[in-house]
Amino acid sequence: MLANRDAELGTIQSSPNFVLCTEMVEWNLQERGVIKANNVRHVKAGDKPDALSNPENYKRQVEIEYYIDIYAKQNGQWVPYVADDVQF
């Protein structure tokens, strides 16, 4: 599978199979595509989040705001994860 060569460049490293396998191995070994969440906080909508936020319970039908810091692992370092379409 890794022996397939790119038709244009003629190298194994540029072949689609090599790239796919490399990315899959990095993902399986948690070197790529790994995220973590830190500093999770939630408050009633309209309140300001602070160190004392995160009430233990809310009443029904009360809107809350949820804040979370997400980091992605890149080259062995945790860097802020930048995206505008993260789903909770």
Protein backbone atom coordinates (compact mmCIF):
# COMPACT_ATOMS: atom_id res chain seq x y z
CA MET A 1 0.00 0.00 0.00
CA LEU A 2 2.77 2.45 0.81
CA ALA A 3 4.72 1.43 -2.29
CA ASN A 4 2.43 3.34 -4.65
CA ARG A 5 4.23 6.30 -6.15
CA ASP A 6 2.84 9.64 -7.18
CA ALA A 7 2.57 9.61 -10.97
CA GLU A 8 3.73 13.22 -11.35
CA LEU A 9 6.52 13.47 -8.80
CA GLY A 10 7.50 9.80 -8.69
CA THR A 11 8.15 9.75 -4.92
CA ILE A 12 6.53 7.62 -2.27
CA GLN A 13 6.22 10.56 0.17
CA SER A 14 4.00 12.50 -2.24
CA SER A 15 1.68 9.58 -3.05
CA PRO A 16 -1.90 9.84 -1.74
CA ASN A 17 -1.59 6.45 0.00
CA PHE A 18 1.53 7.51 1.90
CA VAL A 19 -0.10 10.76 3.01
CA LEU A 20 -3.28 8.95 4.11
CA CYS A 21 -1.37 6.28 6.04
CA THR A 22 0.87 8.86 7.70
CA GLU A 23 -2.13 10.92 8.83
CA MET A 24 -3.94 7.81 10.11
CA VAL A 25 -0.92 6.67 12.12
CA GLU A 26 -0.48 10.16 13.61
CA TRP A 27 -4.17 10.24 14.55
CA ASN A 28 -4.07 6.76 16.11
CA LEU A 29 -1.01 7.67 18.17
CA GLN A 30 -2.71 10.92 19.22
CA GLU A 31 -0.16 13.11 17.48
CA ARG A 32 -2.77 14.70 15.21
CA GLY A 33 -6.44 15.63 15.52
CA VAL A 34 -6.46 15.62 19.34
CA ILE A 35 -8.27 18.36 21.23
CA LYS A 36 -8.81 19.05 24.92
CA ALA A 37 -11.11 21.35 26.85
CA ASN A 38 -10.01 23.56 29.71
CA ASN A 39 -11.53 26.30 31.81
CA VAL A 40 -15.16 25.22 31.46
CA ARG A 41 -17.60 27.73 32.90
CA HIS A 42 -21.30 28.48 32.66
CA VAL A 43 -23.58 31.22 33.93
CA LYS A 44 -27.13 32.38 33.54
CA ALA A 45 -27.54 34.32 30.28
CA GLY A 46 -26.64 37.96 30.80
CA ASP A 47 -24.42 37.38 33.86
CA LYS A 48 -20.67 37.88 33.60
CA PRO A 49 -18.51 34.76 33.90
CA ASP A 50 -15.96 34.89 36.68
CA ALA A 51 -14.03 32.55 38.95
CA LEU A 52 -17.13 32.00 41.10
CA SER A 53 -19.44 31.04 38.23
CA ASN A 54 -20.63 27.48 37.49
CA PRO A 55 -23.71 27.21 39.69
CA GLU A 56 -24.60 23.66 40.63
CA ASN A 57 -28.14 23.88 39.28
CA TYR A 58 -30.50 26.06 37.30
CA LYS A 59 -34.26 26.33 37.14
CA ARG A 60 -36.07 24.91 34.16
CA GLN A 61 -36.20 26.95 30.96
CA VAL A 62 -33.47 29.32 32.12
CA GLU A 63 -31.07 30.23 29.34
CA ILE A 64 -27.41 29.72 30.15
CA GLU A 65 -24.17 30.72 28.48
CA TYR A 66 -21.41 28.14 28.29
CA TYR A 67 -17.74 29.10 27.88
CA ILE A 68 -14.94 26.68 27.15
CA ASP A 69 -11.30 26.95 26.06
CA ILE A 70 -10.39 24.35 23.44
CA TYR A 71 -6.82 23.41 22.55
CA ALA A 72 -5.48 21.26 19.71
CA LYS A 73 -2.25 19.30 19.78
CA GLN A 74 0.10 20.38 17.01
CA ASN A 75 3.69 19.19 16.79
CA GLY A 76 3.57 18.04 20.41
CA GLN A 77 2.39 21.44 21.70
CA TRP A 78 -1.08 22.50 22.84
CA VAL A 79 -2.22 25.54 20.87
CA PRO A 80 -5.61 27.30 20.92
CA TYR A 81 -8.09 25.60 18.61
CA VAL A 82 -9.44 28.15 16.14
CA ALA A 83 -12.82 27.41 14.57
CA ASP A 84 -16.16 29.10 14.25
CA ASP A 85 -18.28 25.96 13.94
CA VAL A 86 -17.64 23.92 17.08
CA GLN A 87 -20.73 21.97 18.16
CA PHE A 88 -21.47 21.17 21.77
